[in-house]
Amino acid sequence: AAGQTVRVPPLPVPDAVATPAKPRIS
C-alpha cells in the first residue's frame, strides 16, 4: 500500500547476475 516501507536486504548487483534476455517477438 502507498506509504508502506519495504525493507530490502542486500541483493547481488545486476552485473554479477546473468539476466536472461527477453525473447524476441516474431
PDB file of all heavy atoms in Angstrom:
ATOM      1  N   ALA A   1       0.840  -1.193   0.000  1.00  0.00           N
ATOM      2  CA  ALA A   1       0.000   0.000   0.000  1.00  0.00           C
ATOM      3  C   ALA A   1       0.876   1.243   0.000  1.00  0.00           C
ATOM      4  O   ALA A   1       2.037   1.221   0.447  1.00  0.00           O
ATOM      5  CB  ALA A   1      -0.916  -0.001   1.224  1.00  0.00           C
ATOM      6  N   ALA A   2       0.326   2.329  -0.501  1.00  0.00           N
ATOM      7  CA  ALA A   2       1.067   3.586  -0.556  1.00  0.00           C
ATOM      8  C   ALA A   2       1.499   4.004   0.844  1.00  0.00           C
ATOM      9  O   ALA A   2       0.731   3.917   1.804  1.00  0.00           O
ATOM     10  CB  ALA A   2       0.200   4.679  -1.185  1.00  0.00           C
ATOM     11  N   GLY A   3       2.752   4.438   0.971  1.00  0.00           N
ATOM     12  CA  GLY A   3       3.267   4.901   2.249  1.00  0.00           C
ATOM     13  C   GLY A   3       3.940   3.832   3.080  1.00  0.00           C
ATOM     14  O   GLY A   3       4.632   4.151   4.056  1.00  0.00           O
ATOM     15  N   GLN A   4       3.757   2.554   2.739  1.00  0.00           N
ATOM     16  CA  GLN A   4       4.419   1.488   3.482  1.00  0.00           C
ATOM     17  C   GLN A   4       5.915   1.500   3.175  1.00  0.00           C
ATOM     18  O   GLN A   4       6.346   1.942   2.102  1.00  0.00           O
ATOM     19  CB  GLN A   4       3.833   0.117   3.127  1.00  0.00           C
ATOM     20  CG  GLN A   4       2.439  -0.120   3.671  1.00  0.00           C
ATOM     21  CD  GLN A   4       1.932  -1.513   3.337  1.00  0.00           C
ATOM     22  OE1 GLN A   4       2.157  -2.032   2.253  1.00  0.00           O
ATOM     23  NE2 GLN A   4       1.227  -2.127   4.289  1.00  0.00           N
ATOM     24  N   THR A   5       6.693   1.004   4.127  1.00  0.00           N
ATOM     25  CA  THR A   5       8.140   0.931   3.944  1.00  0.00           C
ATOM     26  C   THR A   5       8.563  -0.514   3.784  1.00  0.00           C
ATOM     27  O   THR A   5       8.257  -1.356   4.637  1.00  0.00           O
ATOM     28  CB  THR A   5       8.875   1.555   5.143  1.00  0.00           C
ATOM     29  OG1 THR A   5       8.490   2.930   5.260  1.00  0.00           O
ATOM     30  CG2 THR A   5      10.386   1.476   4.955  1.00  0.00           C
ATOM     31  N   VAL A   6       9.247  -0.797   2.689  1.00  0.00           N
ATOM     32  CA  VAL A   6       9.715  -2.156   2.398  1.00  0.00           C
ATOM     33  C   VAL A   6      11.198  -2.243   2.727  1.00  0.00           C
ATOM     34  O   VAL A   6      12.002  -1.444   2.231  1.00  0.00           O
ATOM     35  CB  VAL A   6       9.479  -2.520   0.928  1.00  0.00           C
ATOM     36  CG1 VAL A   6       9.957  -3.947   0.656  1.00  0.00           C
ATOM     37  CG2 VAL A   6       8.018  -2.359   0.548  1.00  0.00           C
ATOM     38  N   ARG A   7      11.527  -3.202   3.596  1.00  0.00           N
ATOM     39  CA  ARG A   7      12.934  -3.456   3.908  1.00  0.00           C
ATOM     40  C   ARG A   7      13.471  -4.452   2.897  1.00  0.00           C
ATOM     41  O   ARG A   7      13.019  -5.600   2.829  1.00  0.00           O
ATOM     42  CB  ARG A   7      13.094  -4.035   5.314  1.00  0.00           C
ATOM     43  CG  ARG A   7      14.556  -4.378   5.660  1.00  0.00           C
ATOM     44  CD  ARG A   7      14.631  -5.259   6.890  1.00  0.00           C
ATOM     45  NE  ARG A   7      16.010  -5.530   7.275  1.00  0.00           N
ATOM     46  CZ  ARG A   7      16.770  -6.504   6.762  1.00  0.00           C
ATOM     47  NH1 ARG A   7      16.282  -7.291   5.809  1.00  0.00           N
ATOM     48  NH2 ARG A   7      18.011  -6.679   7.182  1.00  0.00           N
ATOM     49  N   VAL A   8      14.422  -4.006   2.071  1.00  0.00           N
ATOM     50  CA  VAL A   8      15.031  -4.856   1.054  1.00  0.00           C
ATOM     51  C   VAL A   8      16.425  -5.230   1.533  1.00  0.00           C
ATOM     52  O   VAL A   8      17.274  -4.355   1.724  1.00  0.00           O
ATOM     53  CB  VAL A   8      15.105  -4.130  -0.302  1.00  0.00           C
ATOM     54  CG1 VAL A   8      15.734  -5.045  -1.356  1.00  0.00           C
ATOM     55  CG2 VAL A   8      13.719  -3.676  -0.748  1.00  0.00           C
ATOM     56  N   PRO A   9      16.683  -6.517   1.745  1.00  0.00           N
ATOM     57  CA  PRO A   9      18.004  -6.944   2.233  1.00  0.00           C
ATOM     58  C   PRO A   9      19.073  -6.797   1.157  1.00  0.00           C
ATOM     59  O   PRO A   9      18.753  -6.480  -0.001  1.00  0.00           O
ATOM     60  CB  PRO A   9      17.769  -8.414   2.589  1.00  0.00           C
ATOM     61  CG  PRO A   9      16.702  -8.850   1.645  1.00  0.00           C
ATOM     62  CD  PRO A   9      15.794  -7.660   1.480  1.00  0.00           C
ATOM     63  N   PRO A  10      20.318  -6.996   1.495  1.00  0.00           N
ATOM     64  CA  PRO A  10      21.385  -6.922   0.485  1.00  0.00           C
ATOM     65  C   PRO A  10      21.100  -7.845  -0.701  1.00  0.00           C
ATOM     66  O   PRO A  10      20.745  -9.012  -0.521  1.00  0.00           O
ATOM     67  CB  PRO A  10      22.631  -7.372   1.256  1.00  0.00           C
ATOM     68  CG  PRO A  10      22.326  -7.018   2.684  1.00  0.00           C
ATOM     69  CD  PRO A  10      20.856  -7.265   2.853  1.00  0.00           C
ATOM     70  N   LEU A  11      21.239  -7.316  -1.895  1.00  0.00           N
ATOM     71  CA  LEU A  11      20.977  -8.064  -3.121  1.00  0.00           C
ATOM     72  C   LEU A  11      22.211  -8.051  -3.999  1.00  0.00           C
ATOM     73  O   LEU A  11      23.007  -7.111  -3.947  1.00  0.00           O
ATOM     74  CB  LEU A  11      19.809  -7.431  -3.896  1.00  0.00           C
ATOM     75  CG  LEU A  11      18.457  -7.377  -3.192  1.00  0.00           C
ATOM     76  CD1 LEU A  11      17.467  -6.564  -4.033  1.00  0.00           C
ATOM     77  CD2 LEU A  11      17.908  -8.778  -2.948  1.00  0.00           C
ATOM     78  N   PRO A  12      22.383  -9.090  -4.812  1.00  0.00           N
ATOM     79  CA  PRO A  12      23.516  -9.078  -5.744  1.00  0.00           C
ATOM     80  C   PRO A  12      23.354  -7.948  -6.742  1.00  0.00           C
ATOM     81  O   PRO A  12      22.240  -7.600  -7.134  1.00  0.00           O
ATOM     82  CB  PRO A  12      23.423 -10.448  -6.430  1.00  0.00           C
ATOM     83  CG  PRO A  12      21.995 -10.858  -6.270  1.00  0.00           C
ATOM     84  CD  PRO A  12      21.554 -10.302  -4.955  1.00  0.00           C
ATOM     85  N   VAL A  13      24.465  -7.342  -7.143  1.00  0.00           N
ATOM     86  CA  VAL A  13      24.392  -6.260  -8.120  1.00  0.00           C
ATOM     87  C   VAL A  13      24.082  -6.856  -9.488  1.00  0.00           C
ATOM     88  O   VAL A  13      24.442  -8.005  -9.769  1.00  0.00           O
ATOM     89  CB  VAL A  13      25.716  -5.462  -8.157  1.00  0.00           C
ATOM     90  CG1 VAL A  13      25.957  -4.772  -6.837  1.00  0.00           C
ATOM     91  CG2 VAL A  13      26.887  -6.371  -8.509  1.00  0.00           C
ATOM     92  N   PRO A  14      23.401  -6.100 -10.350  1.00  0.00           N
ATOM     93  CA  PRO A  14      22.972  -6.650 -11.649  1.00  0.00           C
ATOM     94  C   PRO A  14      24.107  -7.235 -12.478  1.00  0.00           C
ATOM     95  O   PRO A  14      23.929  -8.252 -13.130  1.00  0.00           O
ATOM     96  CB  PRO A  14      22.345  -5.441 -12.342  1.00  0.00           C
ATOM     97  CG  PRO A  14      21.909  -4.547 -11.216  1.00  0.00           C
ATOM     98  CD  PRO A  14      22.922  -4.743 -10.133  1.00  0.00           C
ATOM     99  N   ASP A  15      25.276  -6.593 -12.461  1.00  0.00           N
ATOM    100  CA  ASP A  15      26.382  -7.070 -13.297  1.00  0.00           C
ATOM    101  C   ASP A  15      26.849  -8.457 -12.898  1.00  0.00           C
ATOM    102  O   ASP A  15      27.476  -9.164 -13.675  1.00  0.00           O
ATOM    103  CB  ASP A  15      27.563  -6.099 -13.215  1.00  0.00           C
ATOM    104  CG  ASP A  15      27.240  -4.780 -13.895  1.00  0.00           C
ATOM    105  OD1 ASP A  15      26.282  -4.747 -14.691  1.00  0.00           O
ATOM    106  OD2 ASP A  15      27.940  -3.789 -13.610  1.00  0.00           O
ATOM    107  N   ALA A  16      26.562  -8.843 -11.643  1.00  0.00           N
ATOM    108  CA  ALA A  16      27.027 -10.139 -11.159  1.00  0.00           C
ATOM    109  C   ALA A  16      26.026 -11.249 -11.438  1.00  0.00           C
ATOM    110  O   ALA A  16      26.243 -12.389 -11.114  1.00  0.00           O
ATOM    111  CB  ALA A  16      27.295 -10.069  -9.656  1.00  0.00           C
ATOM    112  N   VAL A  17      24.909 -10.880 -12.031  1.00  0.00           N
ATOM    113  CA  VAL A  17      23.851 -11.857 -12.271  1.00  0.00           C
ATOM    114  C   VAL A  17      23.619 -11.994 -13.762  1.00  0.00           C
ATOM    115  O   VAL A  17      23.573 -11.001 -14.490  1.00  0.00           O
ATOM    116  CB  VAL A  17      22.537 -11.410 -11.585  1.00  0.00           C
ATOM    117  CG1 VAL A  17      21.424 -12.414 -11.861  1.00  0.00           C
ATOM    118  CG2 VAL A  17      22.745 -11.245 -10.089  1.00  0.00           C
ATOM    119  N   ALA A  18      23.480 -13.205 -14.222  1.00  0.00           N
ATOM    120  CA  ALA A  18      23.175 -13.438 -15.630  1.00  0.00           C
ATOM    121  C   ALA A  18      21.685 -13.227 -15.849  1.00  0.00           C
ATOM    122  O   ALA A  18      20.883 -14.080 -15.512  1.00  0.00           O
ATOM    123  CB  ALA A  18      23.578 -14.860 -16.036  1.00  0.00           C
ATOM    124  N   THR A  19      21.307 -12.062 -16.346  1.00  0.00           N
ATOM    125  CA  THR A  19      19.909 -11.755 -16.569  1.00  0.00           C
ATOM    126  C   THR A  19      19.509 -12.223 -17.958  1.00  0.00           C
ATOM    127  O   THR A  19      20.071 -11.763 -18.954  1.00  0.00           O
ATOM    128  CB  THR A  19      19.661 -10.234 -16.455  1.00  0.00           C
ATOM    129  OG1 THR A  19      20.137  -9.793 -15.188  1.00  0.00           O
ATOM    130  CG2 THR A  19      18.198  -9.911 -16.618  1.00  0.00           C
ATOM    131  N   PRO A  20      18.549 -13.144 -18.045  1.00  0.00           N
ATOM    132  CA  PRO A  20      18.166 -13.644 -19.365  1.00  0.00           C
ATOM    133  C   PRO A  20      17.545 -12.542 -20.213  1.00  0.00           C
ATOM    134  O   PRO A  20      16.780 -11.721 -19.720  1.00  0.00           O
ATOM    135  CB  PRO A  20      17.133 -14.740 -19.036  1.00  0.00           C
ATOM    136  CG  PRO A  20      16.621 -14.402 -17.680  1.00  0.00           C
ATOM    137  CD  PRO A  20      17.759 -13.747 -16.964  1.00  0.00           C
ATOM    138  N   ALA A  21      17.903 -12.523 -21.480  1.00  0.00           N
ATOM    139  CA  ALA A  21      17.336 -11.531 -22.381  1.00  0.00           C
ATOM    140  C   ALA A  21      15.881 -11.881 -22.694  1.00  0.00           C
ATOM    141  O   ALA A  21      15.500 -13.048 -22.721  1.00  0.00           O
ATOM    142  CB  ALA A  21      18.145 -11.493 -23.678  1.00  0.00           C
ATOM    143  N   LYS A  22      15.068 -10.846 -22.905  1.00  0.00           N
ATOM    144  CA  LYS A  22      13.686 -11.084 -23.264  1.00  0.00           C
ATOM    145  C   LYS A  22      13.625 -11.754 -24.636  1.00  0.00           C
ATOM    146  O   LYS A  22      14.332 -11.354 -25.557  1.00  0.00           O
ATOM    147  CB  LYS A  22      12.916  -9.764 -23.314  1.00  0.00           C
ATOM    148  CG  LYS A  22      12.648  -9.155 -21.956  1.00  0.00           C
ATOM    149  CD  LYS A  22      11.764  -7.912 -22.099  1.00  0.00           C
ATOM    150  CE  LYS A  22      11.441  -7.331 -20.732  1.00  0.00           C
ATOM    151  NZ  LYS A  22      10.573  -6.121 -20.845  1.00  0.00           N
ATOM    152  N   PRO A  23      12.800 -12.793 -24.764  1.00  0.00           N
ATOM    153  CA  PRO A  23      12.702 -13.445 -26.068  1.00  0.00           C
ATOM    154  C   PRO A  23      12.142 -12.479 -27.107  1.00  0.00           C
ATOM    155  O   PRO A  23      11.253 -11.682 -26.817  1.00  0.00           O
ATOM    156  CB  PRO A  23      11.739 -14.618 -25.806  1.00  0.00           C
ATOM    157  CG  PRO A  23      10.989 -14.237 -24.573  1.00  0.00           C
ATOM    158  CD  PRO A  23      11.927 -13.419 -23.756  1.00  0.00           C
ATOM    159  N   ARG A  24      12.668 -12.560 -28.299  1.00  0.00           N
ATOM    160  CA  ARG A  24      12.217 -11.685 -29.371  1.00  0.00           C
ATOM    161  C   ARG A  24      10.844 -12.132 -29.860  1.00  0.00           C
ATOM    162  O   ARG A  24      10.583 -13.325 -30.014  1.00  0.00           O
ATOM    163  CB  ARG A  24      13.221 -11.716 -30.525  1.00  0.00           C
ATOM    164  CG  ARG A  24      12.837 -10.842 -31.708  1.00  0.00           C
ATOM    165  CD  ARG A  24      13.857 -10.961 -32.825  1.00  0.00           C
ATOM    166  NE  ARG A  24      13.430 -10.221 -34.002  1.00  0.00           N
ATOM    167  CZ  ARG A  24      12.598 -10.708 -34.934  1.00  0.00           C
ATOM    168  NH1 ARG A  24      12.139 -11.946 -34.789  1.00  0.00           N
ATOM    169  NH2 ARG A  24      12.263  -9.982 -35.976  1.00  0.00           N
ATOM    170  N   ILE A  25       9.961 -11.164 -30.078  1.00  0.00           N
ATOM    171  CA  ILE A  25       8.619 -11.456 -30.583  1.00  0.00           C
ATOM    172  C   ILE A  25       8.673 -11.452 -32.106  1.00  0.00           C
ATOM    173  O   ILE A  25       9.113 -10.461 -32.719  1.00  0.00           O
ATOM    174  CB  ILE A  25       7.603 -10.425 -30.079  1.00  0.00           C
ATOM    175  CG1 ILE A  25       7.559 -10.421 -28.549  1.00  0.00           C
ATOM    176  CG2 ILE A  25       6.216 -10.716 -30.640  1.00  0.00           C
ATOM    177  CD1 ILE A  25       6.697  -9.320 -27.964  1.00  0.00           C
ATOM    178  N   SER A  26       8.256 -12.520 -32.716  1.00  0.00           N
ATOM    179  CA  SER A  26       8.282 -12.595 -34.172  1.00  0.00           C
ATOM    180  C   SER A  26       7.247 -11.635 -34.756  1.00  0.00           C
ATOM    181  O   SER A  26       6.282 -11.249 -34.093  1.00  0.00           O
ATOM    182  CB  SER A  26       7.983 -14.025 -34.643  1.00  0.00           C
ATOM    183  OG  SER A  26       6.626 -14.352 -34.385  1.00  0.00           O
TER     184      SER A  26
END
